[in-house]
Amino acid sequence: MSFLEEDKKIIDSAMSIELNAESSVYDKIVEAMRYSALGGKRLRGILTLEFAKMFGCGEKEILPYAAAVECIQAYSLIHDDLPCMDDDDMRRGKPSCHIAFGEANALLAGDALLTHAFSAISESEHAKKHPERAIKAVAILSGSAGFRGMVGGQVLDLEAADKEVDGKTIHLIHKLKTCALIKASALMGCAAAGAKDEFCVLSEEYAENFGFAFQIIDDILDFDGSYETCELNSYVKIHGLEKAREDAKEYISSAKKALDKLDESGFDTENFRELLAFLIKRMK
């Protein structure tokens, strides 16, 4: 079993424990939360887990932080799928949350996941031992998930839905909507482990480049071979398929350079290189 599979397994377990009704009063909303949150690749949670471990934090200690990131990710997908947003009826091969539970319950499930993310961190044993690190992690996550990050990116994405945008605009959308939470995932791991600032900067460089490559490759995978039917705000539509491939490879190369510097400081970056290999494999 690869480290990706192992990490996913333990994060899935942590999520299942976190999203527990505790009382029958909460059964309905927790069912909707679990429906949307218990699944997916767990790449963001894995980044949190792996960066924390690389800088000396124990796996068990950091799991609530990884679960928190995945709660934010799940909430964002529920809200993205709503009729007032992207209006998608399917998510991960099954009906979207608002189709399965109704629009109002889906909205509330997203709200509940968003708020629970911060409970997961602040109520953790790690936060009791290292409150200053927990506060830093909460600040990182809240800033990246809010109007200065993911939500701001979603607003720009909605504005761009029915019109052609330029490369500068799509870069900003990707930076906020996709990269912000991926960067937060890495930086939360760094914060939880008390990593030095110089190493946090390199971790952020890796994560941002990873995020850009991840989003471009998603757009490449969504491309059906026709520029006429391609989404207007797709990276492929704006730049063309070949440049999209070249740019994804360039971001991956930049991420590797950040890892090279961490290697020079004595850290084991093998798992992060495997994550980049995962991206390259997806693009082929």
Protein backbone atom coordinates (compact mmCIF):
# COMPACT_ATOMS: atom_id res chain seq x y z
CA MET A 1 0.00 0.00 0.00
CA SER A 2 1.41 3.42 -0.98
CA PHE A 3 1.63 6.29 1.50
CA LEU A 4 -1.25 7.96 -0.38
CA GLU A 5 -3.51 5.00 0.29
CA GLU A 6 -2.37 4.73 3.91
CA ASP A 7 -2.87 8.44 4.57
CA LYS A 8 -6.28 8.42 2.90
CA LYS A 9 -7.34 5.47 5.03
CA ILE A 10 -6.41 7.10 8.34
CA ILE A 11 -7.90 10.47 7.31
CA ASP A 12 -11.13 8.74 6.29
CA SER A 13 -11.21 7.11 9.72
CA ALA A 14 -10.58 10.44 11.46
CA MET A 15 -13.34 12.09 9.42
CA SER A 16 -15.79 9.36 10.35
CA ILE A 17 -15.02 9.91 14.03
CA GLU A 18 -15.24 13.71 13.73
CA LEU A 19 -18.61 13.61 11.97
CA ASN A 20 -20.51 11.78 14.65
CA ALA A 21 -24.10 12.73 15.53
CA GLU A 22 -23.61 12.05 19.28
CA SER A 23 -27.39 12.44 19.64
CA SER A 24 -30.35 11.45 17.48
CA VAL A 25 -31.31 15.13 17.41
CA TYR A 26 -28.48 15.72 14.93
CA ASP A 27 -28.95 12.59 12.81
CA LYS A 28 -30.37 14.31 9.72
CA ILE A 29 -27.75 17.02 9.35
CA VAL A 30 -24.86 14.70 10.20
CA GLU A 31 -26.09 12.20 7.62
CA ALA A 32 -25.92 14.92 4.97
CA MET A 33 -22.47 16.00 6.18
CA ARG A 34 -21.13 12.46 6.09
CA TYR A 35 -22.71 11.84 2.68
CA SER A 36 -20.57 14.58 1.15
CA ALA A 37 -17.47 14.49 3.34
CA LEU A 38 -16.68 10.77 3.50
CA GLY A 39 -15.01 10.34 0.13
CA GLY A 40 -12.55 11.88 -2.29
CA LYS A 41 -8.80 11.74 -2.81
CA ARG A 42 -7.92 13.52 0.49
CA LEU A 43 -5.03 15.37 -1.19
CA ARG A 44 -5.43 18.42 1.04
CA GLY A 45 -5.56 16.39 4.22
CA ILE A 46 -2.58 14.36 3.03
CA LEU A 47 -0.58 17.55 2.51
CA THR A 48 -1.37 18.67 6.06
CA LEU A 49 -0.44 15.28 7.44
CA GLU A 50 2.79 14.91 5.47
CA PHE A 51 4.15 18.40 6.09
CA ALA A 52 3.47 18.09 9.81
CA LYS A 53 5.19 14.71 9.91
CA MET A 54 8.17 15.96 7.91
CA PHE A 55 8.73 18.73 10.45
CA GLY A 56 8.39 16.43 13.46
CA CYS A 57 4.70 16.34 14.44
CA GLY A 58 3.15 12.97 15.30
CA GLU A 59 0.57 11.48 12.96
CA LYS A 60 -2.08 11.05 15.63
CA GLU A 61 -1.65 14.63 16.83
CA ILE A 62 -2.19 16.17 13.42
CA LEU A 63 -5.21 14.14 12.26
CA PRO A 64 -7.82 16.68 13.51
CA TYR A 65 -6.06 19.34 11.41
CA ALA A 66 -6.19 17.13 8.32
CA ALA A 67 -9.86 16.42 9.02
CA ALA A 68 -10.51 20.16 9.33
CA VAL A 69 -9.08 20.85 5.88
CA GLU A 70 -11.21 18.08 4.42
CA CYS A 71 -14.33 19.50 6.10
CA ILE A 72 -13.65 22.83 4.39
CA GLN A 73 -13.15 21.07 1.06
CA ALA A 74 -16.40 19.11 1.44
CA TYR A 75 -18.38 22.22 2.39
CA SER A 76 -17.07 24.05 -0.67
CA LEU A 77 -18.16 21.24 -2.99
CA ILE A 78 -21.66 21.10 -1.50
CA HIS A 79 -22.09 24.84 -2.03
CA ASP A 80 -20.48 24.76 -5.50
CA ASP A 81 -23.07 22.21 -6.62
CA LEU A 82 -26.10 24.23 -5.48
CA PRO A 83 -28.51 25.52 -8.14
CA CYS A 84 -27.55 29.13 -7.33
CA MET A 85 -23.88 28.33 -7.96
CA ASP A 86 -22.60 25.78 -10.52
CA ASP A 87 -25.87 23.82 -10.47
CA ASP A 88 -24.39 20.30 -10.66
CA ASP A 89 -26.63 17.30 -9.97
CA MET A 90 -23.79 14.78 -9.62
CA ARG A 91 -20.66 14.69 -7.48
CA ARG A 92 -18.14 11.82 -7.33
CA GLY A 93 -20.45 9.50 -9.21
CA LYS A 94 -23.52 9.98 -7.02
CA PRO A 95 -26.27 12.62 -6.64
CA SER A 96 -25.06 15.94 -5.22
CA CYS A 97 -25.98 16.72 -1.62
CA HIS A 98 -28.87 19.02 -2.56
CA ILE A 99 -30.34 16.31 -4.79
CA ALA A 100 -30.07 13.68 -2.05
CA PHE A 101 -31.16 15.82 0.92
CA GLY A 102 -32.83 18.92 -0.50
CA GLU A 103 -31.37 22.35 -1.11
CA ALA A 104 -31.93 23.72 2.39
CA ASN A 105 -30.35 20.73 4.13
CA ALA A 106 -27.41 20.83 1.70
CA LEU A 107 -26.83 24.49 2.46
CA LEU A 108 -26.91 23.76 6.19
CA ALA A 109 -24.66 20.70 5.80
CA GLY A 110 -22.08 22.91 4.09
CA ASP A 111 -22.38 25.51 6.86
CA ALA A 112 -22.00 22.80 9.50
CA LEU A 113 -18.87 21.38 7.86
CA LEU A 114 -17.34 24.85 7.59
CA THR A 115 -17.87 25.63 11.26
CA HIS A 116 -16.95 22.14 12.46
CA ALA A 117 -13.54 22.46 10.84
CA PHE A 118 -12.53 24.99 13.46
CA SER A 119 -13.97 22.91 16.29
CA ALA A 120 -11.89 19.96 15.11
CA ILE A 121 -8.71 22.01 15.50
CA SER A 122 -9.51 23.98 18.63
CA GLU A 123 -10.86 20.98 20.58
CA SER A 124 -7.96 18.69 19.66
CA GLU A 125 -5.40 17.37 22.14
CA HIS A 126 -2.70 19.01 20.03
CA ALA A 127 -4.34 22.43 20.52
CA LYS A 128 -4.34 21.90 24.29
CA LYS A 129 -0.61 21.20 24.21
CA HIS A 130 0.29 23.86 21.65
CA PRO A 131 -2.41 26.58 21.71
CA GLU A 132 -0.25 29.10 19.86
CA ARG A 133 0.27 26.66 17.00
CA ALA A 134 -3.47 25.91 16.86
CA ILE A 135 -4.29 29.62 16.70
CA LYS A 136 -1.86 30.03 13.82
CA ALA A 137 -3.41 27.06 12.00
CA VAL A 138 -6.92 28.46 12.47
CA ALA A 139 -5.78 31.83 11.12
CA ILE A 140 -4.23 30.15 8.07
CA LEU A 141 -7.32 28.06 7.35
CA SER A 142 -9.90 30.78 7.91
CA GLY A 143 -7.98 33.29 5.80
CA SER A 144 -7.53 30.87 2.92
CA ALA A 145 -11.13 29.66 2.97
CA GLY A 146 -12.73 33.11 3.14
CA PHE A 147 -13.09 36.14 0.87
CA ARG A 148 -9.31 36.50 0.58
CA GLY A 149 -9.08 32.96 -0.74
CA MET A 150 -11.51 30.26 -1.80
CA VAL A 151 -14.74 32.27 -1.51
CA GLY A 152 -13.18 35.21 -3.34
CA GLY A 153 -12.10 32.84 -6.10
CA GLN A 154 -15.61 31.40 -6.36
CA VAL A 155 -17.05 34.90 -6.80
CA LEU A 156 -14.63 35.59 -9.64
CA ASP A 157 -15.40 32.18 -11.16
CA LEU A 158 -19.14 32.90 -11.16
CA GLU A 159 -18.54 36.28 -12.79
CA ALA A 160 -16.48 34.57 -15.50
CA ALA A 161 -18.99 31.79 -16.18
CA ASP A 162 -20.68 33.45 -19.17
CA LYS A 163 -17.88 35.47 -20.69
CA GLU A 164 -14.39 35.04 -22.05
CA VAL A 165 -11.63 35.97 -19.61
CA ASP A 166 -7.93 36.54 -20.10
CA GLY A 167 -4.96 34.62 -18.75
CA LYS A 168 -4.43 37.05 -15.89
CA THR A 169 -7.99 36.57 -14.65
CA ILE A 170 -7.95 32.79 -14.84
CA HIS A 171 -4.61 32.78 -13.00
CA LEU A 172 -6.18 34.79 -10.16
CA ILE A 173 -9.24 32.53 -10.06
CA HIS A 174 -7.01 29.46 -9.75
CA LYS A 175 -4.80 31.17 -7.17
CA LEU A 176 -7.78 31.91 -4.93
CA LYS A 177 -10.28 29.14 -5.60
CA THR A 178 -7.88 26.20 -5.81
CA CYS A 179 -4.40 27.12 -4.62
CA ALA A 180 -5.40 29.00 -1.46
CA LEU A 181 -6.77 25.92 0.32
CA ILE A 182 -3.96 23.71 -0.96
CA LYS A 183 -1.41 26.20 0.42
CA ALA A 184 -3.34 26.35 3.67
CA SER A 185 -3.20 22.57 3.91
CA ALA A 186 0.58 22.59 3.73
CA LEU A 187 1.02 25.61 6.00
CA MET A 188 -1.28 24.17 8.66
CA GLY A 189 0.98 21.15 8.83
CA CYS A 190 3.98 23.46 9.16
CA ALA A 191 2.26 25.52 11.87
CA ALA A 192 1.22 22.45 13.86
CA ALA A 193 4.81 21.20 13.85
CA GLY A 194 6.31 24.60 14.68
CA ALA A 195 8.40 24.67 11.48
CA LYS A 196 10.84 27.52 10.95
CA ASP A 197 9.75 30.40 8.73
CA GLU A 198 12.29 29.60 6.01
CA PHE A 199 10.88 26.08 5.71
CA CYS A 200 7.30 27.38 5.73
CA VAL A 201 8.16 29.57 2.74
CA LEU A 202 9.53 26.61 0.79
CA SER A 203 6.51 24.50 1.76
CA GLU A 204 4.22 27.27 0.53
CA GLU A 205 6.12 27.48 -2.77
CA TYR A 206 5.70 23.76 -3.27
CA ALA A 207 1.99 23.81 -2.41
CA GLU A 208 1.12 26.79 -4.60
CA ASN A 209 2.87 25.31 -7.63
CA PHE A 210 1.22 21.97 -6.88
CA GLY A 211 -2.14 23.75 -6.77
CA PHE A 212 -1.71 25.49 -10.10
CA ALA A 213 -0.58 22.26 -11.78
CA PHE A 214 -3.48 20.34 -10.20
CA GLN A 215 -6.09 22.80 -11.52
CA ILE A 216 -4.60 23.01 -15.02
CA ILE A 217 -4.50 19.22 -15.25
CA ASP A 218 -8.14 19.08 -14.13
CA ASP A 219 -9.00 21.43 -17.00
CA ILE A 220 -6.99 19.25 -19.39
CA LEU A 221 -8.87 16.14 -18.23
CA ASP A 222 -12.21 17.94 -18.68
CA PHE A 223 -11.34 18.95 -22.26
CA ASP A 224 -13.35 16.87 -24.72
CA GLY A 225 -11.24 17.74 -27.76
CA SER A 226 -13.41 20.64 -28.94
CA TYR A 227 -12.62 24.27 -28.18
CA GLU A 228 -16.18 25.13 -29.24
CA THR A 229 -17.77 23.18 -26.38
CA CYS A 230 -15.00 23.87 -23.86
CA GLU A 231 -15.95 25.98 -20.83
CA LEU A 232 -15.16 29.66 -21.34
CA ASN A 233 -13.05 29.93 -18.19
CA SER A 234 -11.10 26.71 -18.80
CA TYR A 235 -7.32 27.07 -18.88
CA VAL A 236 -7.34 24.97 -22.06
CA LYS A 237 -9.87 27.27 -23.73
CA ILE A 238 -7.80 30.35 -22.92
CA HIS A 239 -4.30 29.05 -23.59
CA GLY A 240 -4.75 25.97 -25.77
CA LEU A 241 -4.08 22.34 -24.93
CA GLU A 242 -0.35 22.29 -25.67
CA LYS A 243 0.43 25.38 -23.59
CA ALA A 244 -1.73 24.02 -20.77
CA ARG A 245 0.42 20.87 -20.74
CA GLU A 246 3.63 22.92 -20.85
CA ASP A 247 2.49 25.22 -18.04
CA ALA A 248 1.46 22.28 -15.84
CA LYS A 249 4.90 20.76 -16.31
CA GLU A 250 6.53 24.10 -15.48
CA TYR A 251 4.59 24.39 -12.23
CA ILE A 252 5.60 20.84 -11.33
CA SER A 253 9.22 21.73 -12.07
CA SER A 254 8.99 24.77 -9.78
CA ALA A 255 7.50 22.61 -7.03
CA LYS A 256 10.45 20.24 -7.37
CA LYS A 257 12.89 23.13 -6.94
CA ALA A 258 11.30 23.97 -3.58
CA LEU A 259 11.71 20.33 -2.56
CA ASP A 260 15.37 20.39 -3.62
CA LYS A 261 15.98 23.19 -1.11
CA LEU A 262 14.21 21.25 1.62
CA ASP A 263 16.38 18.24 0.74
CA GLU A 264 19.47 20.38 1.23
CA SER A 265 18.27 21.13 4.76
CA GLY A 266 18.06 17.44 5.55
CA PHE A 267 14.33 16.76 5.12
CA ASP A 268 12.90 13.69 3.42
CA THR A 269 10.73 14.93 0.53
CA GLU A 270 10.14 11.60 -1.19
CA ASN A 271 6.40 11.56 -0.51
CA PHE A 272 5.96 15.06 -1.91
CA ARG A 273 7.77 14.01 -5.06
CA GLU A 274 5.39 11.07 -5.31
CA LEU A 275 2.49 13.51 -5.19
CA LEU A 276 3.98 15.36 -8.15
CA ALA A 277 4.37 12.05 -9.98
CA PHE A 278 0.68 11.46 -9.28
CA LEU A 279 -0.13 14.72 -11.08
CA ILE A 280 2.01 13.83 -14.07
CA LYS A 281 0.34 10.43 -14.29
CA ARG A 282 -3.10 12.08 -14.30
CA MET A 283 -2.11 14.29 -17.22
CA LYS A 284 -1.06 11.41 -19.46
